[in-house]
C-alpha cells in the first residue's frame, strides 16, 4: 500500500496558507473503515477537460458534476463516464461548490476543478486514506483531520511551472463537509476547516489556459470580480496603486518568486500578474467613480 503522508496544523479554522512540519504514516494499524467519499466538480463548457478530471477520481464512491448551463458536450461526457449530473444556475464559485457539497451523498467530499486531475501518487494516497483511518492516539474524532490538502502544479505554455509563486500552490480539496465549507464571495474561494488539516502525498495537476488570448479573456472576468470585492470592502484605487502596483507585481513575480527559472513562461506569468493588478485597480477606480 502506498505511503500516506500526513501533516497536521492547529485546531483553529484553516484557510490554506503555509503548514509546518510533515509526518509520514507507513502501514498504520487500521482503526476503522473510512466513510464513503463523494467527488464534486463544478462545470461550465468544460468538454475539453471534464473527462480527465473524472477519470482521476476512480476511487470515489460517487462523482457529482454540477453544471451551470454548458452549451457544449460537458454534461453528456460526464454522464457517459458514470457521473451524476445536476444543473444549478451560477451563484458564484464558493456558493456553487457549497451547493455541490450539499447535494453529495456522503459527508467526505473531494472537490476538483474541471481543468484539474489527481496525479497517480495522489490517487494512491487517496486509496491509502480510504483504507487507513488517521485516528490520533486517543482515538477522539475531533482530533482527527477534518481536511486534507495537496500541492497543485500548473501546466502552462508547454511546461510544468515550479516557481513564479505558482508552486507549491497548496489546496485543501478533501474535507468533511460537517466541519468545513467554501468561502469567498467573489474570487479566490477556499475551504475553511474547523479542525486539524493534513497533507496527502502526490499533487493536483492543473491544466491552465490553452493560449495567452484565453488567459487574458479570463483575466477580464476575474478582475471584474476582484474589483467588486475590493469595492465591497471599501477599498479605493489611488494614483500610486495604478502607478506602482503593476511594476512591483512584475518584479516580485519574476525576481523574488524566481519566475526567471521558469524561462519564457516565467516572463509571461509575471506580465500577466502585472496586467491583472493594473486592470483590477482600473476597474475599482471606475466603480468608485459611478
Protein backbone atom coordinates (compact mmCIF):
# COMPACT_ATOMS: atom_id res chain seq x y z
CA UNK A 1 0.00 0.00 0.00
CA UNK A 2 1.28 3.44 -0.89
CA UNK A 3 2.64 5.69 1.82
CA UNK A 4 0.15 8.15 3.27
CA UNK A 5 1.89 11.42 4.10
CA UNK A 6 0.18 13.42 6.83
CA UNK A 7 0.83 16.93 8.06
CA UNK A 8 -1.13 18.44 10.95
CA UNK A 9 -1.91 22.03 11.87
CA UNK A 10 -3.82 23.59 14.76
CA UNK A 11 -7.48 23.07 15.54
CA UNK A 12 -8.27 26.65 14.53
CA UNK A 13 -10.10 27.47 11.33
CA UNK A 14 -7.67 26.97 8.45
CA UNK A 15 -7.64 28.86 5.15
CA UNK A 16 -4.90 27.19 3.11
CA UNK A 17 -1.62 29.06 3.65
CA UNK A 18 1.62 27.56 4.98
CA UNK A 19 1.70 24.45 7.11
CA UNK A 20 4.63 23.45 9.30
CA UNK A 21 6.22 20.03 9.54
CA UNK A 22 5.31 16.73 7.92
CA UNK A 23 4.83 13.29 9.45
CA UNK A 24 4.85 10.04 7.49
CA UNK A 25 2.41 7.28 8.32
CA UNK A 26 3.52 3.86 6.99
CA UNK A 27 1.10 0.95 7.13
CA UNK A 28 -0.51 2.14 10.33
CA UNK A 29 -2.76 -0.34 12.08
CA UNK A 30 -6.30 0.08 10.67
CA UNK A 31 -8.58 1.59 13.28
CA UNK A 32 -11.84 1.82 11.39
CA UNK A 33 -13.13 1.87 7.85
CA UNK A 34 -13.12 5.38 6.46
CA UNK A 35 -16.53 6.70 5.38
CA UNK A 36 -17.54 6.67 1.72
CA UNK A 37 -16.37 9.55 -0.47
CA UNK A 38 -18.15 11.91 -2.87
CA UNK A 39 -16.13 13.75 -5.52
CA UNK A 40 -17.58 17.01 -6.83
CA UNK A 41 -16.79 19.06 -9.94
CA UNK A 42 -18.46 22.31 -10.97
CA UNK A 43 -18.56 22.93 -14.72
CA UNK A 44 -19.42 25.38 -17.46
CA UNK A 45 -18.39 24.42 -21.01
CA UNK A 46 -15.62 22.07 -19.88
CA UNK A 47 -15.93 19.40 -22.58
CA UNK A 48 -12.17 19.53 -23.24
CA UNK A 49 -11.29 18.86 -19.60
CA UNK A 50 -14.01 17.11 -17.64
CA UNK A 51 -13.22 13.53 -18.74
CA UNK A 52 -9.65 13.79 -17.47
CA UNK A 53 -10.82 15.06 -14.09
CA UNK A 54 -13.46 12.35 -13.70
CA UNK A 55 -11.09 9.54 -14.67
CA UNK A 56 -8.64 10.60 -11.94
CA UNK A 57 -11.41 10.16 -9.35
CA UNK A 58 -11.90 6.42 -9.77
CA UNK A 59 -11.54 5.77 -6.04
CA UNK A 60 -14.52 7.97 -5.14
CA UNK A 61 -17.80 6.28 -4.29
CA UNK A 62 -19.62 8.80 -6.45
CA UNK A 63 -18.68 11.63 -8.81
CA UNK A 64 -21.11 14.54 -8.83
CA UNK A 65 -20.93 17.16 -11.59
CA UNK A 66 -22.84 20.40 -11.02
CA UNK A 67 -23.23 22.29 -14.29
CA UNK A 68 -24.33 25.91 -14.64
CA UNK A 69 -25.62 25.83 -18.22
CA UNK A 70 -22.99 24.40 -20.55
CA UNK A 71 -23.73 24.62 -24.27
CA UNK A 72 -21.08 22.06 -25.24
CA UNK A 73 -20.83 18.31 -24.53
CA UNK A 74 -19.76 18.66 -20.88
CA UNK A 75 -22.88 17.06 -19.38
CA UNK A 76 -23.06 14.25 -21.94
CA UNK A 77 -19.40 13.32 -21.36
CA UNK A 78 -19.83 13.36 -17.59
CA UNK A 79 -22.96 11.22 -17.81
CA UNK A 80 -21.27 8.68 -20.10
CA UNK A 81 -18.41 8.36 -17.61
CA UNK A 82 -20.84 7.50 -14.82
CA UNK A 83 -21.02 10.84 -13.03
CA UNK A 84 -24.25 12.09 -11.52
CA UNK A 85 -25.06 15.37 -13.26
CA UNK A 86 -27.08 18.16 -11.66
CA UNK A 87 -27.89 21.62 -13.01
CA UNK A 88 -27.76 24.80 -10.95
CA UNK A 89 -27.73 28.44 -12.16
CA UNK A 90 -24.41 30.13 -11.45
CA UNK A 91 -24.38 31.68 -7.91
CA UNK A 92 -20.59 32.27 -7.68
CA UNK A 93 -17.60 29.98 -7.16
CA UNK A 94 -17.84 29.34 -3.41
CA UNK A 95 -21.64 29.11 -3.44
CA UNK A 96 -21.61 26.62 -6.31
CA UNK A 97 -19.05 24.42 -4.58
CA UNK A 98 -21.07 24.53 -1.37
CA UNK A 99 -24.17 23.60 -3.35
CA UNK A 100 -22.31 20.62 -4.82
CA UNK A 101 -21.14 19.52 -1.36
CA UNK A 102 -24.70 19.80 -0.01
CA UNK A 103 -26.02 17.60 -2.83
CA UNK A 104 -23.33 14.95 -2.35
CA UNK A 105 -24.42 11.60 -0.96
CA UNK A 106 -21.54 11.36 1.52
CA UNK A 107 -20.07 13.67 4.16
CA UNK A 108 -16.47 13.32 2.99
CA UNK A 109 -16.11 15.44 -0.15
CA UNK A 110 -13.24 15.71 -2.62
CA UNK A 111 -13.54 18.74 -4.88
CA UNK A 112 -11.65 19.18 -8.16
CA UNK A 113 -11.95 21.90 -10.75
CA UNK A 114 -12.75 20.60 -14.22
CA UNK A 115 -9.29 21.55 -15.52
CA UNK A 116 -7.52 19.56 -12.79
CA UNK A 117 -6.73 15.93 -12.05
CA UNK A 118 -5.12 13.91 -9.28
CA UNK A 119 -1.74 12.56 -10.31
CA UNK A 120 -1.00 8.82 -9.78
CA UNK A 121 0.68 9.45 -6.42
CA UNK A 122 -2.32 11.45 -5.19
CA UNK A 123 -4.67 8.70 -6.36
CA UNK A 124 -2.59 6.13 -4.44
CA UNK A 125 -2.65 8.36 -1.33
CA UNK A 126 -6.42 8.59 -1.62
CA UNK A 127 -6.69 4.78 -1.73
CA UNK A 128 -4.48 4.58 1.37
CA UNK A 129 -6.60 7.20 3.12
CA UNK A 130 -9.71 5.13 2.47
CA UNK A 131 -8.04 2.01 3.86
CA UNK A 132 -6.34 3.54 6.92
CA UNK A 133 -8.11 5.69 9.47
CA UNK A 134 -5.80 8.57 10.55
CA UNK A 135 -7.00 8.43 14.14
CA UNK A 136 -4.95 10.03 16.87
CA UNK A 137 -3.62 8.10 19.84
CA UNK A 138 -6.66 8.88 21.96
CA UNK A 139 -8.99 7.97 19.10
CA UNK A 140 -11.16 11.03 19.58
CA UNK A 141 -12.97 12.16 16.45
CA UNK A 142 -12.26 15.87 16.85
CA UNK A 143 -8.50 15.23 16.96
CA UNK A 144 -8.60 13.52 13.56
CA UNK A 145 -8.05 15.60 10.42
CA UNK A 146 -11.14 17.40 9.16
CA UNK A 147 -9.48 18.17 5.84
CA UNK A 148 -6.54 17.24 3.62
CA UNK A 149 -4.53 19.25 1.15
CA UNK A 150 -2.28 18.68 -1.85
CA UNK A 151 0.20 20.93 -3.65
CA UNK A 152 -1.04 21.99 -7.08
CA UNK A 153 1.29 22.03 -10.08
CA UNK A 154 0.31 24.02 -13.18
CA UNK A 155 0.97 23.21 -16.83
CA UNK A 156 1.42 26.50 -18.69
CA UNK A 157 2.98 27.50 -22.02
CA UNK A 158 4.02 23.91 -22.68
CA UNK A 159 5.81 23.26 -19.38
CA UNK A 160 5.23 22.49 -15.71
CA UNK A 161 5.72 25.59 -13.57
CA UNK A 162 7.89 25.23 -10.47
CA UNK A 163 8.35 28.87 -9.47
CA UNK A 164 6.72 32.31 -10.13
CA UNK A 165 4.63 31.96 -6.96
CA UNK A 166 2.65 29.17 -8.60
CA UNK A 167 4.22 26.20 -6.81
CA UNK A 168 3.61 24.73 -4.36
CA UNK A 169 0.08 26.07 -4.50
CA UNK A 170 -1.41 24.18 -1.55
CA UNK A 171 -5.13 23.45 -1.84
CA UNK A 172 -7.50 21.82 0.63
CA UNK A 173 -9.72 19.64 -1.54
CA UNK A 174 -10.65 16.64 0.62
CA UNK A 175 -12.73 17.56 3.66
CA UNK A 176 -15.57 16.61 5.96
CA UNK A 177 -18.45 18.89 4.97
CA UNK A 178 -19.71 18.78 8.56
CA UNK A 179 -16.51 20.57 9.61
CA UNK A 180 -15.72 22.73 6.58
CA UNK A 181 -17.20 24.86 3.82
CA UNK A 182 -16.20 27.12 0.94
CA UNK A 183 -15.78 30.86 1.50
CA UNK A 184 -15.14 33.79 -0.86
CA UNK A 185 -17.91 35.93 -2.27
CA UNK A 186 -16.14 36.86 -5.50
CA UNK A 187 -12.75 35.29 -6.29
CA UNK A 188 -10.09 33.20 -4.55
CA UNK A 189 -12.54 30.82 -2.92
CA UNK A 190 -11.10 28.43 -0.34
CA UNK A 191 -12.20 25.87 2.23
CA UNK A 192 -12.37 26.96 5.87
CA UNK A 193 -11.88 23.95 8.15
CA UNK A 194 -12.79 23.56 11.80
CA UNK A 195 -10.17 21.10 13.00
CA UNK A 196 -6.76 19.74 12.03
CA UNK A 197 -5.62 19.66 8.40
CA UNK A 198 -3.15 17.13 6.95
CA UNK A 199 -1.21 16.90 3.70
CA UNK A 200 -1.54 13.91 1.38
CA UNK A 201 1.18 12.61 -0.93
CA UNK A 202 1.02 13.41 -4.63
CA UNK A 203 -0.15 16.51 -6.45
CA UNK A 204 -3.13 18.09 -8.13
CA UNK A 205 -2.25 18.76 -11.76
CA UNK A 206 -3.74 21.97 -13.15
CA UNK A 207 -4.04 22.41 -16.93
CA UNK A 208 -4.25 26.13 -17.47
CA UNK A 209 -5.23 28.24 -20.48
CA UNK A 210 -4.73 26.94 -24.00
CA UNK A 211 -3.45 30.32 -25.21
CA UNK A 212 -2.43 33.78 -24.00
CA UNK A 213 -5.62 35.14 -25.55
CA UNK A 214 -7.72 32.76 -23.44
CA UNK A 215 -5.73 33.74 -20.36
CA UNK A 216 -6.31 37.45 -20.86
CA UNK A 217 -10.00 36.86 -21.57
CA UNK A 218 -10.28 35.04 -18.26
CA UNK A 219 -8.35 37.86 -16.58
CA UNK A 220 -11.10 40.28 -17.58
CA UNK A 221 -13.65 38.11 -15.75
CA UNK A 222 -11.51 37.70 -12.64
CA UNK A 223 -10.59 41.38 -12.42
CA UNK A 224 -14.27 42.32 -12.63
CA UNK A 225 -14.87 40.15 -9.58
CA UNK A 226 -11.73 41.33 -7.77
CA UNK A 227 -12.69 44.98 -8.25
CA UNK A 228 -16.20 44.33 -6.95
CA UNK A 229 -14.76 42.53 -3.92
CA UNK A 230 -12.43 45.42 -3.10
CA UNK A 231 -15.26 47.92 -3.55
CA UNK A 232 -17.46 45.88 -1.22
CA UNK A 233 -14.72 46.17 1.43
CA UNK A 234 -14.43 49.92 1.00
CA UNK A 235 -11.14 49.91 -0.94
CA UNK A 236 -10.23 52.74 -3.30
CA UNK A 237 -7.70 52.89 -6.12
CA UNK A 238 -5.15 55.64 -5.53
CA UNK A 239 -2.86 57.04 -8.26
CA UNK A 240 0.03 55.26 -6.52
CA UNK A 241 -1.79 51.93 -6.80
CA UNK A 242 -2.08 52.34 -10.54
CA UNK A 243 1.47 53.63 -10.91
CA UNK A 244 3.44 51.34 -8.61
CA UNK A 245 1.49 48.14 -8.06
CA UNK A 246 1.84 46.66 -11.60
CA UNK A 247 5.65 47.01 -11.92
CA UNK A 248 6.14 45.86 -8.33
CA UNK A 249 4.00 42.79 -9.05
CA UNK A 250 6.11 42.01 -12.12
CA UNK A 251 9.37 42.37 -10.18
CA UNK A 252 8.08 40.33 -7.26
CA UNK A 253 6.86 37.51 -9.52
CA UNK A 254 9.85 37.41 -11.84
CA UNK A 255 12.69 38.02 -9.41
CA UNK A 256 11.64 37.42 -5.78
CA UNK A 257 9.49 34.40 -6.64
CA UNK A 258 12.15 33.11 -9.07
CA UNK A 259 9.96 33.37 -12.15
CA UNK A 260 13.09 33.69 -14.30
CA UNK A 261 13.75 30.00 -13.60
CA UNK A 262 10.55 29.16 -15.49
CA UNK A 263 12.02 30.51 -18.73
CA UNK A 264 9.79 32.32 -21.19
CA UNK A 265 6.74 31.04 -19.30
CA UNK A 266 8.02 32.93 -16.25
CA UNK A 267 8.10 36.16 -18.24
CA UNK A 268 4.51 35.57 -19.39
CA UNK A 269 3.37 34.82 -15.84
CA UNK A 270 4.98 38.00 -14.48
CA UNK A 271 3.48 40.11 -17.27
CA UNK A 272 0.05 38.59 -16.74
CA UNK A 273 0.28 39.18 -12.98
CA UNK A 274 1.12 42.84 -13.55
CA UNK A 275 -1.70 43.15 -16.08
CA UNK A 276 -4.13 41.58 -13.60
CA UNK A 277 -3.22 44.11 -10.90
CA UNK A 278 -3.47 47.06 -13.29
CA UNK A 279 -6.88 46.00 -14.61
CA UNK A 280 -8.13 45.32 -11.08
CA UNK A 281 -7.30 48.84 -9.92
CA UNK A 282 -8.58 50.42 -13.13
CA UNK A 283 -11.93 48.72 -12.67
CA UNK A 284 -12.03 49.60 -8.98
CA UNK A 285 -11.49 53.24 -9.91
CA UNK A 286 -14.32 53.04 -12.44
CA UNK A 287 -16.65 51.52 -9.85
CA UNK A 288 -15.90 54.24 -7.31
CA UNK A 289 -16.43 56.94 -9.94
CA UNK A 290 -20.01 55.85 -10.62
